[in-house]
């Protein structure tokens, strides 16, 4: 195999997902990124079970998201139209069941305070 140019365990950065450089060979940027990837254990509280969190290393600040409620309502009017739903092979009752299931599982929550919409 040596005559064919095939070698075992060739160290080539980026060619293998399992490739790992020793920490002594890390660049300053790699060290900075590693330092920002701290996993934090949050103990259980009355309202929240024990869980872990980790910051996204390339995000340093919370994004400023605009309120898109008008666009969502316009899209809902279009998609809740009976003819549109029939064409898609569903009905409003099936959609409501999906939302109720997501609420029950805690994936989404109802907004009860109009001030939360802004």
C-alpha atoms as a PDB file:
ATOM      1  CA  UNK A   1       0.000   0.000   0.000  1.00  0.00           C
ATOM      2  CA  UNK A   2       2.956   2.328   0.568  1.00  0.00           C
ATOM      3  CA  UNK A   3       3.851   2.082  -3.114  1.00  0.00           C
ATOM      4  CA  UNK A   4       0.332   3.244  -4.021  1.00  0.00           C
ATOM      5  CA  UNK A   5       0.666   6.252  -1.752  1.00  0.00           C
ATOM      6  CA  UNK A   6      -1.898   5.012   0.777  1.00  0.00           C
ATOM      7  CA  UNK A   7      -0.896   5.755   4.347  1.00  0.00           C
ATOM      8  CA  UNK A   8      -2.532   5.057   7.682  1.00  0.00           C
ATOM      9  CA  UNK A   9      -3.498   7.805  10.110  1.00  0.00           C
ATOM     10  CA  UNK A  10      -2.462  10.807   8.049  1.00  0.00           C
ATOM     11  CA  UNK A  11      -3.011  13.984  10.087  1.00  0.00           C
ATOM     12  CA  UNK A  12      -4.688  16.477   7.790  1.00  0.00           C
ATOM     13  CA  UNK A  13      -6.733  19.211   9.435  1.00  0.00           C
ATOM     14  CA  UNK A  14     -10.339  19.374   8.296  1.00  0.00           C
ATOM     15  CA  UNK A  15     -10.368  16.095   6.377  1.00  0.00           C
ATOM     16  CA  UNK A  16     -11.960  14.070   9.146  1.00  0.00           C
ATOM     17  CA  UNK A  17     -14.758  14.962  11.518  1.00  0.00           C
ATOM     18  CA  UNK A  18     -12.874  13.028  14.206  1.00  0.00           C
ATOM     19  CA  UNK A  19      -9.626  14.952  13.723  1.00  0.00           C
ATOM     20  CA  UNK A  20      -8.557  16.815  16.862  1.00  0.00           C
ATOM     21  CA  UNK A  21      -5.497  19.010  17.253  1.00  0.00           C
ATOM     22  CA  UNK A  22      -3.754  19.082  20.590  1.00  0.00           C
ATOM     23  CA  UNK A  23      -4.702  22.176  22.588  1.00  0.00           C
ATOM     24  CA  UNK A  24      -1.107  23.410  22.362  1.00  0.00           C
ATOM     25  CA  UNK A  25      -1.582  23.846  18.572  1.00  0.00           C
ATOM     26  CA  UNK A  26      -4.801  25.895  18.830  1.00  0.00           C
ATOM     27  CA  UNK A  27      -4.891  29.381  17.354  1.00  0.00           C
ATOM     28  CA  UNK A  28      -5.935  32.321  19.577  1.00  0.00           C
ATOM     29  CA  UNK A  29      -9.335  32.361  17.805  1.00  0.00           C
ATOM     30  CA  UNK A  30      -9.867  28.640  18.490  1.00  0.00           C
ATOM     31  CA  UNK A  31      -9.003  29.203  22.170  1.00  0.00           C
ATOM     32  CA  UNK A  32     -11.442  32.129  22.363  1.00  0.00           C
ATOM     33  CA  UNK A  33     -14.248  30.070  20.788  1.00  0.00           C
ATOM     34  CA  UNK A  34     -13.572  27.155  23.132  1.00  0.00           C
ATOM     35  CA  UNK A  35     -13.687  29.468  26.146  1.00  0.00           C
ATOM     36  CA  UNK A  36     -17.101  30.769  25.076  1.00  0.00           C
ATOM     37  CA  UNK A  37     -18.546  27.258  24.853  1.00  0.00           C
ATOM     38  CA  UNK A  38     -19.143  26.817  28.559  1.00  0.00           C
ATOM     39  CA  UNK A  39     -21.892  24.392  29.543  1.00  0.00           C
ATOM     40  CA  UNK A  40     -23.831  25.575  32.592  1.00  0.00           C
ATOM     41  CA  UNK A  41     -25.876  23.329  34.874  1.00  0.00           C
ATOM     42  CA  UNK A  42     -29.047  25.034  36.103  1.00  0.00           C
ATOM     43  CA  UNK A  43     -30.444  23.349  39.240  1.00  0.00           C
ATOM     44  CA  UNK A  44     -34.114  22.501  39.469  1.00  0.00           C
ATOM     45  CA  UNK A  45     -36.430  25.200  40.783  1.00  0.00           C
ATOM     46  CA  UNK A  46     -40.101  25.313  41.627  1.00  0.00           C
ATOM     47  CA  UNK A  47     -40.972  26.312  38.051  1.00  0.00           C
ATOM     48  CA  UNK A  48     -38.209  24.648  36.009  1.00  0.00           C
ATOM     49  CA  UNK A  49     -36.535  21.213  36.038  1.00  0.00           C
ATOM     50  CA  UNK A  50     -32.764  20.804  36.164  1.00  0.00           C
ATOM     51  CA  UNK A  51     -31.224  21.509  32.762  1.00  0.00           C
ATOM     52  CA  UNK A  52     -28.034  22.496  30.968  1.00  0.00           C
ATOM     53  CA  UNK A  53     -27.421  25.481  28.712  1.00  0.00           C
ATOM     54  CA  UNK A  54     -24.625  26.563  26.410  1.00  0.00           C
ATOM     55  CA  UNK A  55     -24.194  29.839  24.559  1.00  0.00           C
ATOM     56  CA  UNK A  56     -23.943  29.773  20.787  1.00  0.00           C
ATOM     57  CA  UNK A  57     -20.261  30.626  20.306  1.00  0.00           C
ATOM     58  CA  UNK A  58     -20.727  32.911  17.304  1.00  0.00           C
ATOM     59  CA  UNK A  59     -23.559  34.954  18.872  1.00  0.00           C
ATOM     60  CA  UNK A  60     -22.442  37.682  21.260  1.00  0.00           C
ATOM     61  CA  UNK A  61     -25.649  39.645  21.670  1.00  0.00           C
ATOM     62  CA  UNK A  62     -29.384  39.115  21.555  1.00  0.00           C
ATOM     63  CA  UNK A  63     -30.738  39.908  18.085  1.00  0.00           C
ATOM     64  CA  UNK A  64     -33.232  42.750  17.725  1.00  0.00           C
ATOM     65  CA  UNK A  65     -36.244  40.974  16.264  1.00  0.00           C
ATOM     66  CA  UNK A  66     -39.049  43.032  14.792  1.00  0.00           C
ATOM     67  CA  UNK A  67     -42.706  42.350  15.544  1.00  0.00           C
ATOM     68  CA  UNK A  68     -44.117  40.469  12.538  1.00  0.00           C
ATOM     69  CA  UNK A  69     -47.672  40.111  13.847  1.00  0.00           C
ATOM     70  CA  UNK A  70     -49.257  41.836  10.807  1.00  0.00           C
ATOM     71  CA  UNK A  71     -47.542  39.435   8.399  1.00  0.00           C
ATOM     72  CA  UNK A  72     -48.533  36.415  10.503  1.00  0.00           C
ATOM     73  CA  UNK A  73     -52.189  37.487  10.652  1.00  0.00           C
ATOM     74  CA  UNK A  74     -52.269  38.069   6.866  1.00  0.00           C
ATOM     75  CA  UNK A  75     -50.794  34.606   6.299  1.00  0.00           C
ATOM     76  CA  UNK A  76     -53.302  33.051   8.724  1.00  0.00           C
ATOM     77  CA  UNK A  77     -56.271  34.606   6.901  1.00  0.00           C
ATOM     78  CA  UNK A  78     -55.001  33.119   3.640  1.00  0.00           C
ATOM     79  CA  UNK A  79     -54.226  29.672   5.034  1.00  0.00           C
ATOM     80  CA  UNK A  80     -57.365  29.383   7.202  1.00  0.00           C
ATOM     81  CA  UNK A  81     -59.607  29.867   4.164  1.00  0.00           C
ATOM     82  CA  UNK A  82     -61.718  26.695   3.804  1.00  0.00           C
ATOM     83  CA  UNK A  83     -60.931  26.202   0.107  1.00  0.00           C
ATOM     84  CA  UNK A  84     -57.195  26.424   0.774  1.00  0.00           C
ATOM     85  CA  UNK A  85     -57.387  23.906   3.614  1.00  0.00           C
ATOM     86  CA  UNK A  86     -59.492  21.482   1.558  1.00  0.00           C
ATOM     87  CA  UNK A  87     -56.976  21.711  -1.288  1.00  0.00           C
ATOM     88  CA  UNK A  88     -54.233  20.795   1.239  1.00  0.00           C
ATOM     89  CA  UNK A  89     -56.284  17.845   2.548  1.00  0.00           C
ATOM     90  CA  UNK A  90     -56.916  19.184   6.053  1.00  0.00           C
ATOM     91  CA  UNK A  91     -59.410  21.232   8.045  1.00  0.00           C
ATOM     92  CA  UNK A  92     -59.359  23.848  10.792  1.00  0.00           C
ATOM     93  CA  UNK A  93     -60.270  21.252  13.469  1.00  0.00           C
ATOM     94  CA  UNK A  94     -57.152  19.206  12.663  1.00  0.00           C
ATOM     95  CA  UNK A  95     -54.982  22.316  12.870  1.00  0.00           C
ATOM     96  CA  UNK A  96     -56.505  23.276  16.228  1.00  0.00           C
ATOM     97  CA  UNK A  97     -55.810  19.756  17.543  1.00  0.00           C
ATOM     98  CA  UNK A  98     -52.129  20.149  16.559  1.00  0.00           C
ATOM     99  CA  UNK A  99     -51.891  23.485  18.381  1.00  0.00           C
ATOM    100  CA  UNK A 100     -53.592  22.091  21.488  1.00  0.00           C
ATOM    101  CA  UNK A 101     -51.128  19.176  21.456  1.00  0.00           C
ATOM    102  CA  UNK A 102     -48.177  21.595  21.205  1.00  0.00           C
ATOM    103  CA  UNK A 103     -49.567  23.699  24.069  1.00  0.00           C
ATOM    104  CA  UNK A 104     -50.038  20.578  26.184  1.00  0.00           C
ATOM    105  CA  UNK A 105     -46.441  19.464  25.524  1.00  0.00           C
ATOM    106  CA  UNK A 106     -45.114  22.936  26.381  1.00  0.00           C
ATOM    107  CA  UNK A 107     -43.707  23.623  22.896  1.00  0.00           C
ATOM    108  CA  UNK A 108     -45.788  26.812  22.572  1.00  0.00           C
ATOM    109  CA  UNK A 109     -47.720  28.943  25.019  1.00  0.00           C
ATOM    110  CA  UNK A 110     -50.778  31.148  24.785  1.00  0.00           C
ATOM    111  CA  UNK A 111     -50.238  34.885  24.886  1.00  0.00           C
ATOM    112  CA  UNK A 112     -52.803  36.262  27.318  1.00  0.00           C
ATOM    113  CA  UNK A 113     -51.418  39.759  27.887  1.00  0.00           C
ATOM    114  CA  UNK A 114     -51.760  42.075  24.841  1.00  0.00           C
ATOM    115  CA  UNK A 115     -48.664  43.965  26.057  1.00  0.00           C
ATOM    116  CA  UNK A 116     -46.592  40.846  25.279  1.00  0.00           C
ATOM    117  CA  UNK A 117     -47.433  41.223  21.576  1.00  0.00           C
ATOM    118  CA  UNK A 118     -45.311  44.365  21.131  1.00  0.00           C
END
